[in-house]
Amino acid sequence: MNEILTKIQGAFKEAFGIEAQEVTMETAPANIPAWDSMGHLSLASNLERIFGISLDVDELMEMENVKAIVRIIHGKLNQA
């Protein structure tokens, strides 16, 4: 699970230009000003590339915080 979080932190760094260690399981859009609708799409694109997955619209809507992102990606990776 830590490996997933580390890769997610990298995706946040690429998408928002923040330090990876600023991203925790509790991080939500309110904590990152650039995490708006366009930022969410950039983040999702980075996640898809980094993890080699595709996210559907429902999954994108569920990604309300880092904890949810970890859960979704963990589930996707276990399906493969």
N, C-alpha and C. Protein backbone atom coordinates (compact mmCIF):
# COMPACT_ATOMS: atom_id res chain seq x y z
N MET A 1 0.83 -1.20 0.00
CA MET A 1 0.00 0.00 0.00
C MET A 1 0.87 1.26 0.00
N ASN A 2 2.01 1.19 0.69
CA ASN A 2 2.91 2.36 0.72
C ASN A 2 3.45 2.68 -0.66
N GLU A 3 3.69 1.64 -1.47
CA GLU A 3 4.19 1.86 -2.83
C GLU A 3 3.16 2.61 -3.66
N ILE A 4 1.90 2.27 -3.46
CA ILE A 4 0.82 2.96 -4.18
C ILE A 4 0.80 4.43 -3.77
N LEU A 5 0.86 4.71 -2.47
CA LEU A 5 0.84 6.09 -2.00
C LEU A 5 2.04 6.87 -2.54
N THR A 6 3.21 6.24 -2.57
CA THR A 6 4.41 6.91 -3.08
C THR A 6 4.22 7.32 -4.54
N LYS A 7 3.66 6.41 -5.34
CA LYS A 7 3.41 6.74 -6.75
C LYS A 7 2.35 7.81 -6.89
N ILE A 8 1.33 7.78 -6.04
CA ILE A 8 0.29 8.82 -6.06
C ILE A 8 0.91 10.17 -5.71
N GLN A 9 1.80 10.19 -4.73
CA GLN A 9 2.48 11.44 -4.36
C GLN A 9 3.24 11.99 -5.56
N GLY A 10 3.86 11.11 -6.34
CA GLY A 10 4.56 11.55 -7.55
C GLY A 10 3.61 12.15 -8.56
N ALA A 11 2.43 11.56 -8.70
CA ALA A 11 1.42 12.09 -9.63
C ALA A 11 0.96 13.47 -9.18
N PHE A 12 0.80 13.67 -7.88
CA PHE A 12 0.42 14.98 -7.36
C PHE A 12 1.53 16.00 -7.63
N LYS A 13 2.77 15.58 -7.44
CA LYS A 13 3.90 16.49 -7.67
C LYS A 13 3.91 16.95 -9.12
N GLU A 14 3.70 16.01 -10.06
CA GLU A 14 3.67 16.36 -11.48
C GLU A 14 2.47 17.25 -11.81
N ALA A 15 1.31 16.93 -11.26
CA ALA A 15 0.09 17.66 -11.61
C ALA A 15 0.04 19.05 -10.99
N PHE A 16 0.52 19.17 -9.75
CA PHE A 16 0.32 20.42 -9.02
C PHE A 16 1.60 21.14 -8.60
N GLY A 17 2.76 20.56 -8.90
CA GLY A 17 4.01 21.20 -8.55
C GLY A 17 4.24 21.35 -7.07
N ILE A 18 3.74 20.39 -6.28
CA ILE A 18 3.95 20.44 -4.84
C ILE A 18 4.91 19.34 -4.44
N GLU A 19 5.47 19.45 -3.26
CA GLU A 19 6.38 18.42 -2.76
C GLU A 19 5.58 17.16 -2.43
N ALA A 20 6.13 16.02 -2.80
CA ALA A 20 5.43 14.74 -2.62
C ALA A 20 5.05 14.51 -1.15
N GLN A 21 5.91 14.89 -0.22
CA GLN A 21 5.63 14.63 1.19
C GLN A 21 4.47 15.46 1.73
N GLU A 22 4.03 16.47 0.98
CA GLU A 22 2.86 17.25 1.39
C GLU A 22 1.57 16.46 1.21
N VAL A 23 1.63 15.38 0.42
CA VAL A 23 0.44 14.58 0.12
C VAL A 23 0.35 13.43 1.11
N THR A 24 -0.74 13.41 1.88
CA THR A 24 -0.99 12.35 2.86
C THR A 24 -2.33 11.69 2.54
N MET A 25 -2.66 10.66 3.28
CA MET A 25 -3.94 9.97 3.08
C MET A 25 -5.12 10.92 3.31
N GLU A 26 -4.92 11.97 4.09
CA GLU A 26 -6.00 12.91 4.40
C GLU A 26 -6.10 14.07 3.42
N THR A 27 -5.16 14.18 2.49
CA THR A 27 -5.16 15.29 1.54
C THR A 27 -6.43 15.27 0.69
N ALA A 28 -7.05 16.45 0.57
CA ALA A 28 -8.27 16.62 -0.20
C ALA A 28 -8.14 17.90 -1.04
N PRO A 29 -9.05 18.11 -1.97
CA PRO A 29 -8.97 19.32 -2.80
C PRO A 29 -8.86 20.62 -2.00
N ALA A 30 -9.46 20.68 -0.84
CA ALA A 30 -9.38 21.90 -0.02
C ALA A 30 -7.95 22.22 0.41
N ASN A 31 -7.08 21.20 0.42
CA ASN A 31 -5.69 21.38 0.84
C ASN A 31 -4.77 21.84 -0.29
N ILE A 32 -5.24 21.69 -1.54
CA ILE A 32 -4.41 22.01 -2.70
C ILE A 32 -5.20 22.93 -3.63
N PRO A 33 -4.90 24.23 -3.62
CA PRO A 33 -5.70 25.18 -4.41
C PRO A 33 -5.82 24.81 -5.89
N ALA A 34 -4.79 24.22 -6.48
CA ALA A 34 -4.84 23.89 -7.91
C ALA A 34 -5.68 22.64 -8.20
N TRP A 35 -6.14 21.94 -7.14
CA TRP A 35 -6.93 20.73 -7.34
C TRP A 35 -8.38 21.11 -7.60
N ASP A 36 -8.59 21.71 -8.78
CA ASP A 36 -9.93 22.05 -9.24
C ASP A 36 -10.31 21.04 -10.31
N SER A 37 -11.35 21.33 -11.09
CA SER A 37 -11.80 20.34 -12.09
C SER A 37 -10.72 20.06 -13.13
N MET A 38 -10.02 21.07 -13.59
CA MET A 38 -8.96 20.85 -14.57
C MET A 38 -7.76 20.14 -13.93
N GLY A 39 -7.44 20.51 -12.72
CA GLY A 39 -6.37 19.85 -11.99
C GLY A 39 -6.69 18.38 -11.74
N HIS A 40 -7.96 18.09 -11.50
CA HIS A 40 -8.40 16.71 -11.27
C HIS A 40 -8.15 15.86 -12.51
N LEU A 41 -8.42 16.43 -13.69
CA LEU A 41 -8.18 15.71 -14.94
C LEU A 41 -6.69 15.48 -15.18
N SER A 42 -5.88 16.47 -14.87
CA SER A 42 -4.43 16.33 -15.00
C SER A 42 -3.92 15.25 -14.05
N LEU A 43 -4.41 15.27 -12.83
CA LEU A 43 -4.03 14.25 -11.84
C LEU A 43 -4.44 12.86 -12.33
N ALA A 44 -5.67 12.74 -12.81
CA ALA A 44 -6.17 11.45 -13.29
C ALA A 44 -5.33 10.93 -14.45
N SER A 45 -4.96 11.81 -15.34
CA SER A 45 -4.12 11.42 -16.48
C SER A 45 -2.76 10.90 -16.00
N ASN A 46 -2.17 11.59 -15.03
CA ASN A 46 -0.90 11.15 -14.46
C ASN A 46 -1.05 9.78 -13.79
N LEU A 47 -2.13 9.60 -13.05
CA LEU A 47 -2.36 8.32 -12.36
C LEU A 47 -2.51 7.19 -13.36
N GLU A 48 -3.25 7.43 -14.43
CA GLU A 48 -3.44 6.40 -15.45
C GLU A 48 -2.10 6.01 -16.07
N ARG A 49 -1.28 7.00 -16.37
CA ARG A 49 0.03 6.72 -16.97
C ARG A 49 0.95 6.00 -16.00
N ILE A 50 1.03 6.47 -14.79
CA ILE A 50 1.95 5.90 -13.80
C ILE A 50 1.59 4.45 -13.46
N PHE A 51 0.29 4.20 -13.30
CA PHE A 51 -0.15 2.86 -12.88
C PHE A 51 -0.53 1.95 -14.05
N GLY A 52 -0.59 2.50 -15.27
CA GLY A 52 -0.97 1.69 -16.42
C GLY A 52 -2.41 1.21 -16.35
N ILE A 53 -3.30 2.10 -15.89
CA ILE A 53 -4.71 1.77 -15.73
C ILE A 53 -5.57 2.77 -16.48
N SER A 54 -6.85 2.48 -16.58
CA SER A 54 -7.83 3.44 -17.10
C SER A 54 -8.86 3.67 -16.01
N LEU A 55 -9.19 4.92 -15.80
CA LEU A 55 -10.20 5.29 -14.80
C LEU A 55 -11.48 5.68 -15.52
N ASP A 56 -12.62 5.14 -15.04
CA ASP A 56 -13.88 5.52 -15.65
C ASP A 56 -14.48 6.72 -14.93
N VAL A 57 -15.55 7.24 -15.46
CA VAL A 57 -16.16 8.47 -14.92
C VAL A 57 -16.57 8.29 -13.45
N ASP A 58 -17.15 7.15 -13.12
CA ASP A 58 -17.56 6.91 -11.73
C ASP A 58 -16.36 6.93 -10.79
N GLU A 59 -15.26 6.33 -11.21
CA GLU A 59 -14.05 6.33 -10.38
C GLU A 59 -13.50 7.74 -10.23
N LEU A 60 -13.52 8.52 -11.30
CA LEU A 60 -13.06 9.90 -11.22
C LEU A 60 -13.90 10.70 -10.22
N MET A 61 -15.20 10.44 -10.22
CA MET A 61 -16.10 11.16 -9.30
C MET A 61 -15.86 10.74 -7.85
N GLU A 62 -15.45 9.50 -7.64
CA GLU A 62 -15.19 8.99 -6.29
C GLU A 62 -13.87 9.50 -5.70
N MET A 63 -12.99 10.00 -6.54
CA MET A 63 -11.67 10.43 -6.10
C MET A 63 -11.75 11.79 -5.39
N GLU A 64 -12.33 11.76 -4.19
CA GLU A 64 -12.57 12.99 -3.44
C GLU A 64 -11.42 13.34 -2.49
N ASN A 65 -10.52 12.38 -2.26
CA ASN A 65 -9.36 12.61 -1.41
C ASN A 65 -8.33 11.52 -1.70
N VAL A 66 -7.17 11.62 -1.12
CA VAL A 66 -6.10 10.66 -1.41
C VAL A 66 -6.48 9.27 -0.93
N LYS A 67 -7.16 9.18 0.20
CA LYS A 67 -7.58 7.87 0.71
C LYS A 67 -8.45 7.14 -0.32
N ALA A 68 -9.38 7.85 -0.94
CA ALA A 68 -10.24 7.26 -1.96
C ALA A 68 -9.43 6.88 -3.20
N ILE A 69 -8.46 7.70 -3.57
CA ILE A 69 -7.62 7.41 -4.73
C ILE A 69 -6.84 6.12 -4.48
N VAL A 70 -6.26 5.98 -3.30
CA VAL A 70 -5.52 4.76 -2.95
C VAL A 70 -6.44 3.55 -3.06
N ARG A 71 -7.65 3.66 -2.52
CA ARG A 71 -8.61 2.55 -2.53
C ARG A 71 -8.95 2.16 -3.96
N ILE A 72 -9.23 3.14 -4.80
CA ILE A 72 -9.62 2.88 -6.20
C ILE A 72 -8.47 2.22 -6.96
N ILE A 73 -7.28 2.78 -6.81
CA ILE A 73 -6.13 2.23 -7.55
C ILE A 73 -5.78 0.84 -7.03
N HIS A 74 -5.82 0.65 -5.74
CA HIS A 74 -5.55 -0.66 -5.17
C HIS A 74 -6.52 -1.70 -5.75
N GLY A 75 -7.79 -1.33 -5.85
CA GLY A 75 -8.79 -2.22 -6.43
C GLY A 75 -8.51 -2.53 -7.89
N LYS A 76 -8.14 -1.50 -8.65
CA LYS A 76 -7.84 -1.68 -10.08
C LYS A 76 -6.64 -2.60 -10.27
N LEU A 77 -5.62 -2.43 -9.47
CA LEU A 77 -4.41 -3.24 -9.60
C LEU A 77 -4.67 -4.70 -9.21
N ASN A 78 -5.57 -4.92 -8.27
CA ASN A 78 -5.90 -6.27 -7.85
C ASN A 78 -6.78 -6.98 -8.86
N GLN A 79 -7.45 -6.23 -9.75
CA GLN A 79 -8.26 -6.82 -10.79
C GLN A 79 -7.40 -7.43 -11.89
N ALA A 80 -6.24 -6.83 -12.09
CA ALA A 80 -5.38 -7.24 -13.21
C ALA A 80 -4.79 -8.62 -13.05
